[in-house]
Amino acid sequence: VYDTSYNPNPLAVNRGLDVNYLGDPGGSGNFFGN
C-alpha cells in the first residue's frame, strides 16, 4: 500500500518503489488458510 500515488520509475535507484511507501505484509499467500 502507498500513500496518495504509486510511481514506478525504471531510472530511480529503488525503481521508484520507495516513494510514498506505507507498508506491506512482508510475505505473500494465505497464512494457514487465513
Full PDB file with SEQRES, HELIX, SHEET, SSBOND, CRYST1, ORIGX, SCALE, CONECT and MASTER records, all heavy atoms in Angstrom:
SEQRES   1 A   34  VAL TYR ASP THR SER TYR ASN PRO ASN PRO LEU ALA VAL          
SEQRES   2 A   34  ASN ARG GLY LEU ASP VAL ASN TYR LEU GLY ASP PRO GLY          
SEQRES   3 A   34  GLY SER GLY ASN PHE PHE GLY ASN                              
CRYST1    1.000    1.000    1.000  90.00  90.00  90.00 P 1           1          
ORIGX1      1.000000  0.000000  0.000000        0.00000                         
ORIGX2      0.000000  1.000000  0.000000        0.00000                         
ORIGX3      0.000000  0.000000  1.000000        0.00000                         
SCALE1      1.000000  0.000000  0.000000        0.00000                         
SCALE2      0.000000  1.000000  0.000000        0.00000                         
SCALE3      0.000000  0.000000  1.000000        0.00000                         
ATOM      1  N   VAL A   1       0.842  -1.188   0.000  1.00  0.00           N  
ATOM      2  CA  VAL A   1       0.000   0.000   0.000  1.00  0.00           C  
ATOM      3  C   VAL A   1       0.883   1.246   0.000  1.00  0.00           C  
ATOM      4  O   VAL A   1       1.940   1.278   0.642  1.00  0.00           O  
ATOM      5  CB  VAL A   1      -0.961   0.000   1.219  1.00  0.00           C  
ATOM      6  CG1 VAL A   1      -0.197   0.026   2.530  1.00  0.00           C  
ATOM      7  CG2 VAL A   1      -1.941   1.164   1.147  1.00  0.00           C  
ATOM      8  N   TYR A   2       0.420   2.257  -0.748  1.00  0.00           N  
ATOM      9  CA  TYR A   2       1.154   3.512  -0.901  1.00  0.00           C  
ATOM     10  C   TYR A   2       0.237   4.688  -0.594  1.00  0.00           C  
ATOM     11  O   TYR A   2      -0.987   4.599  -0.728  1.00  0.00           O  
ATOM     12  CB  TYR A   2       1.705   3.636  -2.326  1.00  0.00           C  
ATOM     13  CG  TYR A   2       2.914   2.747  -2.562  1.00  0.00           C  
ATOM     14  CD1 TYR A   2       2.770   1.372  -2.705  1.00  0.00           C  
ATOM     15  CD2 TYR A   2       4.194   3.283  -2.620  1.00  0.00           C  
ATOM     16  CE1 TYR A   2       3.872   0.553  -2.895  1.00  0.00           C  
ATOM     17  CE2 TYR A   2       5.309   2.473  -2.823  1.00  0.00           C  
ATOM     18  CZ  TYR A   2       5.146   1.112  -2.955  1.00  0.00           C  
ATOM     19  OH  TYR A   2       6.249   0.312  -3.131  1.00  0.00           O  
ATOM     20  N   ASP A   3       0.851   5.786  -0.204  1.00  0.00           N  
ATOM     21  CA  ASP A   3       0.118   6.991   0.146  1.00  0.00           C  
ATOM     22  C   ASP A   3      -0.015   7.902  -1.067  1.00  0.00           C  
ATOM     23  O   ASP A   3       0.993   8.305  -1.659  1.00  0.00           O  
ATOM     24  CB  ASP A   3       0.847   7.718   1.279  1.00  0.00           C  
ATOM     25  CG  ASP A   3       0.136   8.979   1.728  1.00  0.00           C  
ATOM     26  OD1 ASP A   3      -1.067   9.104   1.438  1.00  0.00           O  
ATOM     27  OD2 ASP A   3       0.781   9.834   2.359  1.00  0.00           O  
ATOM     28  N   THR A   4      -1.246   8.198  -1.456  1.00  0.00           N  
ATOM     29  CA  THR A   4      -1.584   9.184  -2.499  1.00  0.00           C  
ATOM     30  C   THR A   4      -1.330   8.696  -3.924  1.00  0.00           C  
ATOM     31  O   THR A   4      -2.184   8.810  -4.797  1.00  0.00           O  
ATOM     32  CB  THR A   4      -0.832  10.518  -2.274  1.00  0.00           C  
ATOM     33  OG1 THR A   4      -1.064  10.967  -0.939  1.00  0.00           O  
ATOM     34  CG2 THR A   4      -1.315  11.568  -3.254  1.00  0.00           C  
ATOM     35  N   SER A   5      -0.136   8.174  -4.210  1.00  0.00           N  
ATOM     36  CA  SER A   5       0.155   7.742  -5.580  1.00  0.00           C  
ATOM     37  C   SER A   5       1.229   6.670  -5.586  1.00  0.00           C  
ATOM     38  O   SER A   5       1.997   6.515  -4.632  1.00  0.00           O  
ATOM     39  CB  SER A   5       0.604   8.927  -6.434  1.00  0.00           C  
ATOM     40  OG  SER A   5       1.832   9.457  -5.953  1.00  0.00           O  
ATOM     41  N   TYR A   6       1.267   5.924  -6.677  1.00  0.00           N  
ATOM     42  CA  TYR A   6       2.265   4.870  -6.892  1.00  0.00           C  
ATOM     43  C   TYR A   6       3.004   5.187  -8.180  1.00  0.00           C  
ATOM     44  O   TYR A   6       2.392   5.346  -9.229  1.00  0.00           O  
ATOM     45  CB  TYR A   6       1.575   3.510  -6.992  1.00  0.00           C  
ATOM     46  CG  TYR A   6       2.521   2.338  -7.169  1.00  0.00           C  
ATOM     47  CD1 TYR A   6       3.457   2.023  -6.186  1.00  0.00           C  
ATOM     48  CD2 TYR A   6       2.461   1.546  -8.310  1.00  0.00           C  
ATOM     49  CE1 TYR A   6       4.310   0.943  -6.334  1.00  0.00           C  
ATOM     50  CE2 TYR A   6       3.303   0.455  -8.463  1.00  0.00           C  
ATOM     51  CZ  TYR A   6       4.230   0.170  -7.470  1.00  0.00           C  
ATOM     52  OH  TYR A   6       5.084  -0.910  -7.618  1.00  0.00           O  
ATOM     53  N   ASN A   7       4.344   5.313  -8.073  1.00  0.00           N  
ATOM     54  CA  ASN A   7       5.104   5.836  -9.206  1.00  0.00           C  
ATOM     55  C   ASN A   7       6.351   5.000  -9.524  1.00  0.00           C  
ATOM     56  O   ASN A   7       7.478   5.410  -9.233  1.00  0.00           O  
ATOM     57  CB  ASN A   7       5.531   7.279  -8.913  1.00  0.00           C  
ATOM     58  CG  ASN A   7       4.365   8.162  -8.520  1.00  0.00           C  
ATOM     59  OD1 ASN A   7       3.498   8.446  -9.329  1.00  0.00           O  
ATOM     60  ND2 ASN A   7       4.337   8.595  -7.267  1.00  0.00           N  
ATOM     61  N   PRO A   8       6.166   3.826 -10.128  1.00  0.00           N  
ATOM     62  CA  PRO A   8       7.344   3.056 -10.543  1.00  0.00           C  
ATOM     63  C   PRO A   8       8.183   3.860 -11.530  1.00  0.00           C  
ATOM     64  O   PRO A   8       7.646   4.509 -12.432  1.00  0.00           O  
ATOM     65  CB  PRO A   8       6.746   1.812 -11.211  1.00  0.00           C  
ATOM     66  CG  PRO A   8       5.336   1.743 -10.732  1.00  0.00           C  
ATOM     67  CD  PRO A   8       4.910   3.147 -10.485  1.00  0.00           C  
ATOM     68  N   ASN A   9       9.490   3.811 -11.357  1.00  0.00           N  
ATOM     69  CA  ASN A   9      10.395   4.593 -12.210  1.00  0.00           C  
ATOM     70  C   ASN A   9      11.625   3.754 -12.532  1.00  0.00           C  
ATOM     71  O   ASN A   9      12.449   3.488 -11.647  1.00  0.00           O  
ATOM     72  CB  ASN A   9      10.793   5.883 -11.501  1.00  0.00           C  
ATOM     73  CG  ASN A   9      11.675   6.778 -12.359  1.00  0.00           C  
ATOM     74  OD1 ASN A   9      12.108   6.400 -13.444  1.00  0.00           O  
ATOM     75  ND2 ASN A   9      11.944   7.967 -11.871  1.00  0.00           N  
ATOM     76  N   PRO A  10      11.765   3.311 -13.759  1.00  0.00           N  
ATOM     77  CA  PRO A  10      12.895   2.440 -14.114  1.00  0.00           C  
ATOM     78  C   PRO A  10      14.254   3.116 -13.975  1.00  0.00           C  
ATOM     79  O   PRO A  10      15.277   2.437 -13.948  1.00  0.00           O  
ATOM     80  CB  PRO A  10      12.600   2.076 -15.575  1.00  0.00           C  
ATOM     81  CG  PRO A  10      11.749   3.176 -16.087  1.00  0.00           C  
ATOM     82  CD  PRO A  10      10.908   3.607 -14.930  1.00  0.00           C  
ATOM     83  N   LEU A  11      14.287   4.448 -13.865  1.00  0.00           N  
ATOM     84  CA  LEU A  11      15.555   5.165 -13.772  1.00  0.00           C  
ATOM     85  C   LEU A  11      15.947   5.489 -12.336  1.00  0.00           C  
ATOM     86  O   LEU A  11      17.083   5.905 -12.080  1.00  0.00           O  
ATOM     87  CB  LEU A  11      15.487   6.462 -14.593  1.00  0.00           C  
ATOM     88  CG  LEU A  11      15.162   6.298 -16.090  1.00  0.00           C  
ATOM     89  CD1 LEU A  11      15.113   7.661 -16.766  1.00  0.00           C  
ATOM     90  CD2 LEU A  11      16.188   5.397 -16.769  1.00  0.00           C  
ATOM     91  N   ALA A  12      15.043   5.318 -11.385  1.00  0.00           N  
ATOM     92  CA  ALA A  12      15.324   5.646  -9.984  1.00  0.00           C  
ATOM     93  C   ALA A  12      16.119   4.523  -9.319  1.00  0.00           C  
ATOM     94  O   ALA A  12      16.074   3.362  -9.744  1.00  0.00           O  
ATOM     95  CB  ALA A  12      14.033   5.895  -9.235  1.00  0.00           C  
ATOM     96  N   VAL A  13      16.826   4.885  -8.247  1.00  0.00           N  
ATOM     97  CA  VAL A  13      17.665   3.897  -7.549  1.00  0.00           C  
ATOM     98  C   VAL A  13      16.837   2.727  -7.054  1.00  0.00           C  
ATOM     99  O   VAL A  13      17.194   1.562  -7.253  1.00  0.00           O  
ATOM    100  CB  VAL A  13      18.399   4.568  -6.376  1.00  0.00           C  
ATOM    101  CG1 VAL A  13      19.166   3.536  -5.568  1.00  0.00           C  
ATOM    102  CG2 VAL A  13      19.341   5.654  -6.884  1.00  0.00           C  
ATOM    103  N   ASN A  14      15.733   3.002  -6.419  1.00  0.00           N  
ATOM    104  CA  ASN A  14      14.839   1.941  -5.928  1.00  0.00           C  
ATOM    105  C   ASN A  14      13.674   1.704  -6.880  1.00  0.00           C  
ATOM    106  O   ASN A  14      12.636   1.200  -6.469  1.00  0.00           O  
ATOM    107  CB  ASN A  14      14.322   2.299  -4.537  1.00  0.00           C  
ATOM    108  CG  ASN A  14      15.398   2.194  -3.476  1.00  0.00           C  
ATOM    109  OD1 ASN A  14      16.060   1.165  -3.341  1.00  0.00           O  
ATOM    110  ND2 ASN A  14      15.593   3.269  -2.715  1.00  0.00           N  
ATOM    111  N   ARG A  15      13.882   2.073  -8.112  1.00  0.00           N  
ATOM    112  CA  ARG A  15      12.850   1.927  -9.159  1.00  0.00           C  
ATOM    113  C   ARG A  15      11.564   2.669  -8.796  1.00  0.00           C  
ATOM    114  O   ARG A  15      10.483   2.330  -9.302  1.00  0.00           O  
ATOM    115  CB  ARG A  15      12.546   0.450  -9.428  1.00  0.00           C  
ATOM    116  CG  ARG A  15      13.747  -0.369  -9.863  1.00  0.00           C  
ATOM    117  CD  ARG A  15      14.462   0.250 -11.041  1.00  0.00           C  
ATOM    118  NE  ARG A  15      15.481  -0.626 -11.615  1.00  0.00           N  
ATOM    119  CZ  ARG A  15      16.627  -0.195 -12.142  1.00  0.00           C  
ATOM    120  NH1 ARG A  15      16.889   1.113 -12.143  1.00  0.00           N  
ATOM    121  NH2 ARG A  15      17.477  -1.038 -12.663  1.00  0.00           N  
ATOM    122  N   GLY A  16      11.677   3.652  -7.913  1.00  0.00           N  
ATOM    123  CA  GLY A  16      10.515   4.443  -7.516  1.00  0.00           C  
ATOM    124  C   GLY A  16       9.610   3.750  -6.528  1.00  0.00           C  
ATOM    125  O   GLY A  16       8.602   4.334  -6.091  1.00  0.00           O  
ATOM    126  N   LEU A  17       9.949   2.544  -6.118  1.00  0.00           N  
ATOM    127  CA  LEU A  17       9.068   1.766  -5.245  1.00  0.00           C  
ATOM    128  C   LEU A  17       9.127   2.234  -3.789  1.00  0.00           C  
ATOM    129  O   LEU A  17       8.288   1.835  -2.978  1.00  0.00           O  
ATOM    130  CB  LEU A  17       9.416   0.275  -5.326  1.00  0.00           C  
ATOM    131  CG  LEU A  17       9.424  -0.344  -6.730  1.00  0.00           C  
ATOM    132  CD1 LEU A  17       9.642  -1.849  -6.646  1.00  0.00           C  
ATOM    133  CD2 LEU A  17       8.134  -0.026  -7.466  1.00  0.00           C  
ATOM    134  N   ASP A  18      10.093   3.059  -3.457  1.00  0.00           N  
ATOM    135  CA  ASP A  18      10.191   3.598  -2.093  1.00  0.00           C  
ATOM    136  C   ASP A  18       9.403   4.892  -1.919  1.00  0.00           C  
ATOM    137  O   ASP A  18       9.164   5.320  -0.790  1.00  0.00           O  
ATOM    138  CB  ASP A  18      11.650   3.832  -1.721  1.00  0.00           C  
ATOM    139  CG  ASP A  18      12.352   4.791  -2.680  1.00  0.00           C  
ATOM    140  OD1 ASP A  18      11.946   4.856  -3.868  1.00  0.00           O  
ATOM    141  OD2 ASP A  18      13.308   5.469  -2.253  1.00  0.00           O  
ATOM    142  N   VAL A  19       8.996   5.518  -3.005  1.00  0.00           N  
ATOM    143  CA  VAL A  19       8.275   6.793  -2.945  1.00  0.00           C  
ATOM    144  C   VAL A  19       6.837   6.550  -2.473  1.00  0.00           C  
ATOM    145  O   VAL A  19       6.103   5.750  -3.054  1.00  0.00           O  
ATOM    146  CB  VAL A  19       8.274   7.484  -4.324  1.00  0.00           C  
ATOM    147  CG1 VAL A  19       7.487   8.790  -4.261  1.00  0.00           C  
ATOM    148  CG2 VAL A  19       9.700   7.726  -4.796  1.00  0.00           C  
ATOM    149  N   ASN A  20       6.434   7.238  -1.404  1.00  0.00           N  
ATOM    150  CA  ASN A  20       5.086   7.143  -0.834  1.00  0.00           C  
ATOM    151  C   ASN A  20       4.778   5.774  -0.229  1.00  0.00           C  
ATOM    152  O   ASN A  20       3.608   5.458   0.047  1.00  0.00           O  
ATOM    153  CB  ASN A  20       4.014   7.472  -1.878  1.00  0.00           C  
ATOM    154  CG  ASN A  20       4.109   8.887  -2.394  1.00  0.00           C  
ATOM    155  OD1 ASN A  20       4.557   9.785  -1.690  1.00  0.00           O  
ATOM    156  ND2 ASN A  20       3.703   9.098  -3.633  1.00  0.00           N  
ATOM    157  N   TYR A  21       5.796   4.970   0.006  1.00  0.00           N  
ATOM    158  CA  TYR A  21       5.584   3.633   0.571  1.00  0.00           C  
ATOM    159  C   TYR A  21       4.995   3.722   1.979  1.00  0.00           C  
ATOM    160  O   TYR A  21       5.483   4.461   2.826  1.00  0.00           O  
ATOM    161  CB  TYR A  21       6.912   2.879   0.609  1.00  0.00           C  
ATOM    162  CG  TYR A  21       6.888   1.576   1.368  1.00  0.00           C  
ATOM    163  CD1 TYR A  21       6.420   0.404   0.776  1.00  0.00           C  
ATOM    164  CD2 TYR A  21       7.335   1.515   2.690  1.00  0.00           C  
ATOM    165  CE1 TYR A  21       6.406  -0.795   1.470  1.00  0.00           C  
ATOM    166  CE2 TYR A  21       7.331   0.320   3.391  1.00  0.00           C  
ATOM    167  CZ  TYR A  21       6.867  -0.828   2.784  1.00  0.00           C  
ATOM    168  OH  TYR A  21       6.862  -2.019   3.479  1.00  0.00           O  
ATOM    169  N   LEU A  22       3.923   2.944   2.230  1.00  0.00           N  
ATOM    170  CA  LEU A  22       3.315   2.871   3.562  1.00  0.00           C  
ATOM    171  C   LEU A  22       3.560   1.529   4.239  1.00  0.00           C  
ATOM    172  O   LEU A  22       3.803   1.475   5.443  1.00  0.00           O  
ATOM    173  CB  LEU A  22       1.809   3.125   3.483  1.00  0.00           C  
ATOM    174  CG  LEU A  22       1.331   4.575   3.421  1.00  0.00           C  
ATOM    175  CD1 LEU A  22      -0.200   4.614   3.353  1.00  0.00           C  
ATOM    176  CD2 LEU A  22       1.813   5.366   4.624  1.00  0.00           C  
ATOM    177  N   GLY A  23       3.468   0.447   3.491  1.00  0.00           N  
ATOM    178  CA  GLY A  23       3.679  -0.848   4.121  1.00  0.00           C  
ATOM    179  C   GLY A  23       3.310  -2.013   3.228  1.00  0.00           C  
ATOM    180  O   GLY A  23       2.701  -1.862   2.169  1.00  0.00           O  
ATOM    181  N   ASP A  24       3.680  -3.208   3.686  1.00  0.00           N  
ATOM    182  CA  ASP A  24       3.327  -4.468   3.028  1.00  0.00           C  
ATOM    183  C   ASP A  24       3.374  -5.560   4.086  1.00  0.00           C  
ATOM    184  O   ASP A  24       3.965  -5.366   5.154  1.00  0.00           O  
ATOM    185  CB  ASP A  24       4.270  -4.762   1.866  1.00  0.00           C  
ATOM    186  CG  ASP A  24       5.655  -5.175   2.334  1.00  0.00           C  
ATOM    187  OD1 ASP A  24       6.507  -4.278   2.530  1.00  0.00           O  
ATOM    188  OD2 ASP A  24       5.894  -6.379   2.517  1.00  0.00           O  
ATOM    189  N   PRO A  25       2.783  -6.724   3.829  1.00  0.00           N  
ATOM    190  CA  PRO A  25       2.709  -7.764   4.864  1.00  0.00           C  
ATOM    191  C   PRO A  25       4.008  -8.519   5.097  1.00  0.00           C  
ATOM    192  O   PRO A  25       4.083  -9.342   6.022  1.00  0.00           O  
ATOM    193  CB  PRO A  25       1.611  -8.691   4.353  1.00  0.00           C  
ATOM    194  CG  PRO A  25       1.659  -8.534   2.871  1.00  0.00           C  
ATOM    195  CD  PRO A  25       2.010  -7.086   2.632  1.00  0.00           C  
ATOM    196  N   GLY A  26       5.019  -8.291   4.274  1.00  0.00           N  
ATOM    197  CA  GLY A  26       6.284  -8.987   4.460  1.00  0.00           C  
ATOM    198  C   GLY A  26       6.333 -10.359   3.832  1.00  0.00           C  
ATOM    199  O   GLY A  26       7.378 -11.019   3.822  1.00  0.00           O  
ATOM    200  N   GLY A  27       5.221 -10.814   3.304  1.00  0.00           N  
ATOM    201  CA  GLY A  27       5.159 -12.122   2.660  1.00  0.00           C  
ATOM    202  C   GLY A  27       3.955 -12.181   1.741  1.00  0.00           C  
ATOM    203  O   GLY A  27       3.249 -11.187   1.556  1.00  0.00           O  
ATOM    204  N   SER A  28       3.703 -13.350   1.184  1.00  0.00           N  
ATOM    205  CA  SER A  28       2.589 -13.487   0.245  1.00  0.00           C  
ATOM    206  C   SER A  28       1.920 -14.834   0.437  1.00  0.00           C  
ATOM    207  O   SER A  28       2.515 -15.792   0.941  1.00  0.00           O  
ATOM    208  CB  SER A  28       3.076 -13.321  -1.198  1.00  0.00           C  
ATOM    209  OG  SER A  28       4.125 -14.235  -1.481  1.00  0.00           O  
ATOM    210  N   GLY A  29       0.665 -14.904   0.024  1.00  0.00           N  
ATOM    211  CA  GLY A  29      -0.112 -16.126   0.193  1.00  0.00           C  
ATOM    212  C   GLY A  29      -0.774 -16.189   1.556  1.00  0.00           C  
ATOM    213  O   GLY A  29      -0.297 -15.593   2.526  1.00  0.00           O  
ATOM    214  N   ASN A  30      -1.897 -16.907   1.627  1.00  0.00           N  
ATOM    215  CA  ASN A  30      -2.625 -17.038   2.882  1.00  0.00           C  
ATOM    216  C   ASN A  30      -1.779 -17.738   3.941  1.00  0.00           C  
ATOM    217  O   ASN A  30      -0.906 -18.552   3.640  1.00  0.00           O  
ATOM    218  CB  ASN A  30      -3.932 -17.804   2.671  1.00  0.00           C  
ATOM    219  CG  ASN A  30      -4.981 -16.960   1.982  1.00  0.00           C  
ATOM    220  OD1 ASN A  30      -4.796 -15.764   1.775  1.00  0.00           O  
ATOM    221  ND2 ASN A  30      -6.094 -17.576   1.619  1.00  0.00           N  
ATOM    222  N   PHE A  31      -2.060 -17.383   5.203  1.00  0.00           N  
ATOM    223  CA  PHE A  31      -1.312 -17.934   6.325  1.00  0.00           C  
ATOM    224  C   PHE A  31      -2.154 -19.025   6.982  1.00  0.00           C  
ATOM    225  O   PHE A  31      -3.135 -18.742   7.644  1.00  0.00           O  
ATOM    226  CB  PHE A  31      -0.979 -16.816   7.319  1.00  0.00           C  
ATOM    227  CG  PHE A  31      -0.086 -17.242   8.446  1.00  0.00           C  
ATOM    228  CD1 PHE A  31       1.250 -17.505   8.220  1.00  0.00           C  
ATOM    229  CD2 PHE A  31      -0.591 -17.378   9.732  1.00  0.00           C  
ATOM    230  CE1 PHE A  31       2.077 -17.892   9.260  1.00  0.00           C  
ATOM    231  CE2 PHE A  31       0.228 -17.765  10.772  1.00  0.00           C  
ATOM    232  CZ  PHE A  31       1.568 -18.033  10.540  1.00  0.00           C  
ATOM    233  N   PHE A  32      -1.783 -20.296   6.763  1.00  0.00           N  
ATOM    234  CA  PHE A  32      -2.552 -21.433   7.272  1.00  0.00           C  
ATOM    235  C   PHE A  32      -4.022 -21.328   6.904  1.00  0.00           C  
ATOM    236  O   PHE A  32      -4.908 -21.559   7.727  1.00  0.00           O  
ATOM    237  CB  PHE A  32      -2.395 -21.554   8.797  1.00  0.00           C  
ATOM    238  CG  PHE A  32      -1.012 -21.959   9.236  1.00  0.00           C  
ATOM    239  CD1 PHE A  32      -0.149 -21.020   9.785  1.00  0.00           C  
ATOM    240  CD2 PHE A  32      -0.574 -23.267   9.084  1.00  0.00           C  
ATOM    241  CE1 PHE A  32       1.128 -21.390  10.186  1.00  0.00           C  
ATOM    242  CE2 PHE A  32       0.706 -23.645   9.482  1.00  0.00           C  
ATOM    243  CZ  PHE A  32       1.556 -22.704  10.032  1.00  0.00           C  
ATOM    244  N   GLY A  33      -4.279 -20.946   5.660  1.00  0.00           N  
ATOM    245  CA  GLY A  33      -5.637 -20.851   5.152  1.00  0.00           C  
ATOM    246  C   GLY A  33      -6.339 -19.543   5.436  1.00  0.00           C  
ATOM    247  O   GLY A  33      -7.444 -19.324   4.949  1.00  0.00           O  
ATOM    248  N   ASN A  34      -5.720 -18.681   6.224  1.00  0.00           N  
ATOM    249  CA  ASN A  34      -6.318 -17.392   6.558  1.00  0.00           C  
ATOM    250  C   ASN A  34      -5.662 -16.266   5.764  1.00  0.00           C  
ATOM    251  O   ASN A  34      -4.455 -16.317   5.488  1.00  0.00           O  
ATOM    252  CB  ASN A  34      -6.162 -17.106   8.049  1.00  0.00           C  
ATOM    253  CG  ASN A  34      -6.903 -18.113   8.907  1.00  0.00           C  
ATOM    254  OD1 ASN A  34      -8.066 -18.414   8.653  1.00  0.00           O  
ATOM    255  ND2 ASN A  34      -6.237 -18.640   9.922  1.00  0.00           N  
TER     256      ASN A  34                                                      
MASTER        0    0    0    0    0    0    0    6  255    1    0    3          
END                                                                             
